Protein backbone atom coordinates (compact mmCIF):
# COMPACT_ATOMS: atom_id res chain seq x y z
CA MET A 1 9.38 5.81 -15.02
CA ARG A 2 11.87 7.61 -11.71
CA THR A 3 12.93 4.82 -9.10
CA ARG A 4 14.19 6.10 -5.65
CA LYS A 5 16.10 3.16 -3.78
CA LEU A 6 14.47 1.73 -0.70
CA GLY A 7 16.68 2.43 2.25
CA LYS A 8 19.78 0.23 2.75
CA THR A 9 18.95 -2.19 0.11
CA ASP A 10 19.91 -2.52 -3.14
CA LEU A 11 16.17 -2.42 -4.82
CA ASP A 12 15.50 0.58 -6.80
CA LEU A 13 11.59 1.19 -6.70
CA THR A 14 9.63 2.63 -9.23
CA THR A 15 7.83 5.37 -7.28
CA ILE A 16 4.48 4.11 -8.21
CA GLY A 17 3.75 0.63 -7.02
CA LEU A 18 1.12 -2.03 -7.95
CA GLY A 19 -1.19 -2.68 -4.99
CA THR A 20 -3.18 -5.91 -5.37
CA TRP A 21 -5.32 -5.58 -2.08
CA ALA A 22 -8.72 -5.03 -3.92
CA ILE A 23 -7.59 -8.00 -6.63
CA GLY A 24 -7.97 -10.76 -4.02
CA GLY A 25 -11.78 -10.33 -4.23
CA PRO A 26 -14.10 -11.28 -0.86
CA TRP A 27 -13.44 -11.42 2.57
CA GLU A 28 -13.23 -9.60 5.62
CA PHE A 29 -11.56 -6.79 4.24
CA GLY A 30 -12.20 -6.95 0.71
CA TRP A 31 -13.65 -4.79 -2.45
CA GLY A 32 -16.37 -6.65 -3.56
CA ALA A 33 -16.38 -9.54 -6.61
CA GLN A 34 -13.67 -9.18 -8.79
CA ASP A 35 -12.39 -11.11 -12.54
CA ASP A 36 -9.10 -12.93 -12.28
CA ASP A 37 -8.57 -12.12 -16.10
CA ASP A 38 -8.99 -8.68 -15.12
CA SER A 39 -6.76 -8.62 -12.29
CA VAL A 40 -3.98 -10.05 -14.92
CA ALA A 41 -4.26 -7.91 -17.34
CA THR A 42 -4.04 -4.98 -15.09
CA ILE A 43 -0.87 -6.35 -13.71
CA ILE A 44 0.68 -6.73 -16.88
CA ALA A 45 -0.63 -3.48 -17.89
CA ALA A 46 1.37 -1.75 -15.06
CA LEU A 47 4.69 -3.93 -15.64
CA GLU A 48 4.07 -3.08 -19.29
CA SER A 49 3.56 0.87 -18.45
CA GLY A 50 6.99 0.48 -16.32
CA ILE A 51 6.04 -0.43 -12.97
CA ASN A 52 8.71 -2.60 -11.63
CA TRP A 53 7.51 -3.50 -8.47
CA ILE A 54 4.22 -5.12 -7.20
CA ASP A 55 2.68 -5.33 -3.48
CA THR A 56 0.68 -7.94 -2.09
CA ALA A 57 -0.47 -9.97 0.70
CA ALA A 58 -1.58 -13.30 2.32
CA ILE A 59 -4.51 -11.70 3.46
CA TYR A 60 -6.10 -10.19 0.48
CA GLY A 61 -8.64 -12.49 -0.50
CA CYS A 62 -7.10 -15.23 2.11
CA GLY A 63 -4.33 -16.39 -0.58
CA HIS A 64 -6.06 -15.30 -3.40
CA SER A 65 -4.09 -12.13 -4.60
CA GLU A 66 -1.04 -13.99 -4.56
CA THR A 67 -1.83 -16.82 -6.50
CA VAL A 68 -3.47 -13.99 -9.16
CA VAL A 69 -0.03 -12.15 -8.93
CA GLY A 70 1.70 -15.29 -9.78
CA ARG A 71 -0.26 -15.93 -12.72
CA ALA A 72 0.39 -12.62 -14.07
CA ILE A 73 3.97 -12.51 -13.37
CA ARG A 74 4.47 -15.86 -15.23
CA GLU A 75 3.05 -14.84 -18.15
CA PHE A 76 4.47 -11.28 -18.25
CA GLY A 77 7.87 -13.34 -18.51
CA GLN A 78 10.11 -10.74 -16.91
CA ARG A 79 11.65 -9.88 -13.63
CA THR A 80 9.44 -8.04 -10.98
CA ILE A 81 10.34 -6.98 -7.89
CA VAL A 82 7.50 -8.92 -5.58
CA ALA A 83 6.95 -7.72 -1.77
CA THR A 84 4.34 -9.59 0.05
CA LYS A 85 3.47 -9.71 3.88
CA CYS A 86 2.95 -12.27 6.46
CA SER A 87 1.10 -12.41 9.94
CA LEU A 88 -2.26 -12.37 9.13
CA LEU A 89 -4.18 -15.80 8.81
CA TRP A 90 -8.26 -16.08 8.34
CA ASN A 91 -10.41 -18.67 9.54
CA GLU A 92 -13.71 -20.41 7.64
CA GLN A 93 -15.42 -16.87 7.69
CA ARG A 94 -12.67 -15.65 6.02
CA CYS A 95 -12.24 -13.37 8.95
CA LYS A 96 -8.57 -12.22 9.74
CA VAL A 97 -6.89 -13.76 12.47
CA SER A 98 -3.44 -12.18 13.78
CA CYS A 99 -0.77 -14.36 14.61
CA LEU A 100 2.99 -14.07 15.48
CA ASP A 101 3.92 -17.05 16.41
CA ALA A 102 7.61 -18.14 14.83
CA ASP A 103 6.42 -21.24 13.39
CA SER A 104 3.53 -19.73 11.63
CA ILE A 105 5.77 -17.35 10.31
CA ILE A 106 7.63 -19.80 8.93
CA LYS A 107 4.63 -21.68 7.42
CA GLU A 108 3.27 -18.63 5.95
CA CYS A 109 6.59 -17.89 3.89
CA GLU A 110 6.44 -20.86 2.44
CA ASP A 111 2.78 -20.97 1.46
CA SER A 112 3.28 -17.62 -0.20
CA LEU A 113 6.04 -18.52 -2.32
CA HIS A 114 4.25 -21.46 -3.26
CA ARG A 115 1.05 -19.01 -4.32
CA LEU A 116 3.09 -16.58 -5.84
CA GLY A 117 5.42 -19.62 -7.59
CA VAL A 118 8.96 -17.68 -7.11
CA GLU A 119 11.76 -18.86 -6.00
CA VAL A 120 12.89 -15.94 -2.96
CA ILE A 121 10.43 -12.91 -2.21
CA ASP A 122 12.03 -10.09 -2.16
CA LEU A 123 10.36 -8.09 -0.04
CA TYR A 124 8.83 -9.97 3.48
CA GLN A 125 6.76 -7.66 5.49
CA MET A 126 4.83 -8.30 8.88
CA HIS A 127 1.69 -6.92 8.09
CA TRP A 128 0.80 -5.62 11.49
CA PRO A 129 2.25 -6.04 14.46
CA ALA A 130 -0.51 -7.85 16.57
CA PRO A 131 -0.26 -9.19 18.92
CA ASP A 132 2.28 -6.84 20.28
CA GLU A 133 3.63 -8.93 22.68
CA LYS A 134 4.70 -11.36 20.06
CA ILE A 135 6.40 -8.67 17.52
CA GLU A 136 10.06 -9.41 18.62
CA GLU A 137 9.53 -13.55 17.88
CA GLY A 138 7.69 -12.76 14.83
CA TRP A 139 10.85 -10.53 13.34
CA GLN A 140 13.27 -13.15 14.80
CA ALA A 141 11.54 -15.76 12.27
CA MET A 142 11.86 -13.30 9.74
CA ILE A 143 15.51 -12.40 10.31
CA HIS A 144 15.90 -16.60 10.03
CA LEU A 145 13.74 -16.20 6.87
CA ARG A 146 16.52 -13.76 5.29
CA ASP A 147 19.08 -15.89 6.27
CA GLN A 148 18.27 -19.22 5.00
CA GLY A 149 17.66 -17.01 1.72
CA LYS A 150 13.92 -17.69 1.47
CA VAL A 151 13.26 -13.80 1.49
CA ARG A 152 15.58 -11.04 0.28
CA TYR A 153 14.56 -8.00 2.74
CA ILE A 154 12.30 -7.57 5.67
CA GLY A 155 9.91 -4.84 6.54
CA VAL A 156 7.38 -4.13 8.82
CA SER A 157 3.70 -2.50 8.32
CA ASN A 158 1.69 -0.25 10.32
CA TYR A 159 4.26 0.08 13.08
CA ILE A 160 4.65 2.95 15.54
CA VAL A 161 7.89 4.15 16.75
CA ASP A 162 8.26 2.44 19.96
CA GLN A 163 7.51 -1.00 17.89
CA LEU A 164 10.20 -0.27 15.65
CA ASP A 165 12.60 0.62 18.47
CA ARG A 166 11.87 -2.91 19.86
CA ILE A 167 12.39 -4.77 16.90
CA SER A 168 15.42 -2.83 15.82
CA LYS A 169 17.42 -4.11 18.61
CA PHE A 170 17.26 -7.30 16.71
CA GLU A 171 17.71 -5.54 13.31
CA THR A 172 16.62 -2.82 11.91
CA PRO A 173 13.77 -3.29 9.43
CA ALA A 174 14.81 -2.17 5.49
CA SER A 175 11.51 -0.55 5.04
CA LEU A 176 7.94 0.76 6.49
CA GLN A 177 4.60 0.37 5.01
CA PRO A 178 2.71 3.36 6.98
CA GLN A 179 -0.92 4.07 5.41
CA TYR A 180 -0.11 7.31 4.05
CA SER A 181 -2.61 10.17 2.22
CA MET A 182 -3.70 13.72 2.20
CA LEU A 183 -6.55 12.99 4.34
CA GLY A 184 -3.98 10.61 6.31
CA ARG A 185 -1.22 12.36 7.98
CA GLU A 186 -0.30 11.16 11.02
CA ILE A 187 3.10 9.55 9.74
CA GLU A 188 4.75 13.24 9.47
CA ALA A 189 4.82 13.66 12.99
CA ASP A 190 7.26 11.27 14.03
CA LEU A 191 7.41 7.99 11.84
CA LEU A 192 8.82 9.73 8.51
CA PRO A 193 11.51 11.59 10.80
CA TYR A 194 12.16 8.52 12.31
CA CYS A 195 12.58 6.29 8.85
CA ASP A 196 14.80 9.13 7.20
CA GLU A 197 16.94 9.27 10.61
CA HIS A 198 17.44 5.59 10.11
CA ASP A 199 17.66 5.28 6.89
CA MET A 200 14.59 2.64 6.68
CA GLY A 201 12.48 2.84 3.07
CA VAL A 202 9.12 4.07 2.76
CA VAL A 203 6.69 2.62 0.96
CA ALA A 204 3.31 4.13 1.46
CA TYR A 205 -0.35 2.65 1.00
CA SER A 206 -3.88 4.19 -0.17
CA PRO A 207 -2.56 7.35 -1.20
CA MET A 208 -5.47 7.61 -2.56
CA HIS A 209 -6.77 7.52 0.11
CA ARG A 210 -9.39 4.35 -0.91
CA GLY A 211 -10.13 6.01 -4.11
CA LEU A 212 -12.01 8.81 -2.22
CA LEU A 213 -8.95 11.42 -3.66
CA THR A 214 -9.61 10.18 -7.17
CA GLY A 215 -12.72 12.64 -7.33
CA LYS A 216 -15.04 9.45 -8.53
CA PHE A 217 -16.89 9.06 -5.77
CA THR A 218 -20.13 10.99 -4.47
CA ALA A 219 -22.38 10.01 -1.67
CA ASP A 220 -24.97 7.87 -3.59
CA LYS A 221 -21.78 6.24 -5.77
CA ILE A 222 -20.46 5.23 -2.33
CA ALA A 223 -23.77 4.14 -1.13
CA GLU A 224 -23.98 1.39 -4.33
CA LEU A 225 -20.39 -0.21 -3.26
CA ALA A 226 -20.94 -3.54 -3.01
CA GLU A 227 -22.41 -4.74 0.13
CA ASP A 228 -18.83 -6.50 1.39
CA ASP A 229 -16.89 -3.54 0.48
CA HIS A 230 -14.77 -2.96 3.39
CA ARG A 231 -15.10 1.00 2.58
CA HIS A 232 -18.78 1.34 4.36
CA GLY A 233 -17.30 0.54 7.58
CA VAL A 234 -14.37 3.36 7.22
CA PRO A 235 -15.06 6.84 8.87
CA ASP A 236 -13.72 9.31 5.67
CA PHE A 237 -16.41 7.15 3.74
CA ASN A 238 -19.11 7.92 6.26
CA GLU A 239 -20.80 11.24 7.79
CA PRO A 240 -19.97 13.88 9.47
CA ARG A 241 -16.46 13.29 7.46
CA LEU A 242 -17.82 12.23 4.11
CA SER A 243 -19.45 15.82 2.97
CA ALA A 244 -16.39 17.53 4.05
CA ASN A 245 -14.23 14.98 2.46
CA LEU A 246 -16.40 15.15 -1.04
CA GLN A 247 -16.09 18.87 -0.94
CA PHE A 248 -12.34 19.10 -0.32
CA VAL A 249 -11.67 16.86 -3.49
CA GLU A 250 -13.93 19.40 -5.43
CA ASN A 251 -12.09 22.25 -4.30
CA LEU A 252 -8.83 20.28 -5.26
CA ARG A 253 -9.99 20.02 -8.87
CA PRO A 254 -8.36 23.56 -10.10
CA ILE A 255 -5.68 22.82 -9.00
CA ALA A 256 -5.21 19.43 -11.18
CA ASP A 257 -6.58 21.06 -13.86
CA ASN A 258 -3.57 24.05 -13.85
CA TYR A 259 -1.10 20.76 -13.99
CA GLY A 260 -3.00 19.01 -16.82
CA ILE A 261 -3.35 15.98 -14.49
CA THR A 262 -5.65 13.87 -13.20
CA LEU A 263 -6.84 14.05 -9.19
CA ALA A 264 -5.94 10.43 -8.75
CA GLN A 265 -2.15 11.87 -10.00
CA LEU A 266 -2.43 14.53 -7.70
CA ALA A 267 -2.47 12.45 -5.16
CA LEU A 268 0.35 10.16 -5.59
CA ALA A 269 2.52 13.30 -6.42
CA TRP A 270 1.66 14.68 -3.56
CA VAL A 271 2.58 11.84 -1.82
CA LEU A 272 5.52 11.37 -3.73
CA ASN A 273 6.66 15.04 -3.00
CA ARG A 274 7.82 13.76 0.65
CA LYS A 275 11.51 12.63 0.48
CA GLU A 276 11.40 10.39 2.82
CA ILE A 277 8.79 8.19 0.72
CA THR A 278 10.43 5.78 -1.51
CA SER A 279 7.42 4.74 -3.58
CA ALA A 280 3.76 5.46 -3.52
CA ILE A 281 1.47 2.22 -3.94
CA ALA A 282 -1.06 2.27 -6.21
CA GLY A 283 -4.19 0.11 -6.37
CA ALA A 284 -6.14 -0.61 -9.53
CA ARG A 285 -8.65 -3.38 -10.52
CA HIS A 286 -8.73 -2.31 -14.24
CA PRO A 287 -5.83 -2.01 -16.91
CA GLY A 288 -7.09 1.86 -17.70
CA GLN A 289 -6.75 2.64 -14.47
CA ILE A 290 -3.07 1.99 -13.55
CA LYS A 291 -2.12 3.39 -16.98
CA GLU A 292 -3.70 6.68 -15.71
CA THR A 293 -2.25 6.69 -12.27
CA VAL A 294 1.61 5.77 -13.51
CA GLN A 295 1.94 8.83 -14.66
CA ALA A 296 2.36 10.90 -11.60
CA SER A 297 5.46 9.24 -10.99
CA ASP A 298 6.98 11.93 -13.08
CA ILE A 299 4.57 15.14 -11.78
CA ASP A 300 6.62 17.75 -9.91
CA LEU A 301 4.60 20.03 -7.70
CA ASN A 302 6.03 23.49 -6.29
CA GLU A 303 5.96 24.96 -2.76
CA THR A 304 2.92 26.97 -3.73
CA THR A 305 0.65 24.37 -4.49
CA ILE A 306 1.61 22.49 -1.59
CA GLU A 307 1.08 25.32 0.30
CA GLN A 308 -2.40 25.54 -1.31
CA ILE A 309 -3.02 21.95 -0.50
CA ASP A 310 -2.67 22.78 3.30
CA GLU A 311 -5.11 25.50 3.33
CA LEU A 312 -7.69 23.32 1.54
CA LEU A 313 -6.76 20.91 4.50
CA GLU A 314 -7.14 22.88 7.28
CA ASP A 315 -10.46 24.06 6.25
CA ARG A 316 -11.77 20.88 5.47
CA ASN A 317 -10.27 19.82 9.01
CA ARG A 318 -12.16 22.49 10.88
CA LYS A 319 -15.46 21.11 9.28
CA ILE A 320 -15.02 17.63 10.61
CA ASN A 321 -13.43 18.60 14.32
């Protein structure tokens, strides 16, 4: 698989990383029930396919995703780059609680190290900049953890430019993890240029837009998602956007067919077409899913294809606006 260097670090990440949000199982923003044996098999299949890094978070399944990742990498038995996140705790109802207190960040790191079963976390990321007035305190705690050797590099997720400027007075993050896909392009205006200017790595999450760009959904299948699947509350999975989105995906099929690839692979290749993107995080719940999407690492889209997709997106945007 192709690799790209993460900003100024010495981490050469495969351009597809494995996302483990869904394998955490039920919580406030879960994806429904998940079998742990399937999860472990999926992680091992990803690593055997050439992926060299895994992205997880303490909040995914209220600690469960990290535990499953730890089990899988022990079974795999080879060095794996592990990225996880802090700043989101949970209550008895398994709902997220934002916290950037320094002592909380320190404890969260220790808990993540224990669940993952590793001595050091390769990339430790602030999951959300909330509460906003505490981001400097939380960031300085993360710098302290790095200086202690508990983590190798520190980054952030879901930040805007102003917040990046504020914490960069202490230290520029190694990376940013934003949402980025054909259906979510907000970061192109200012965040991607900012990261390029400051040599920050970018690892994009939800490149398949929570599965919507895989072509495997219909309105009926979305209605049949588990009751606790968080996608029921996502605007793009509901009208008036849903019909336009599903038509857009259907319009992509001839393009994918022309390349001899799947829609999921096309979605990932489109994200990786941007030079600022270090890696795209592909979620998977079964081994077959990641074996398919990992092939997107080697797909190059020509300029004509990018222009065709832009035209289809303009048509989709007119329908929802």
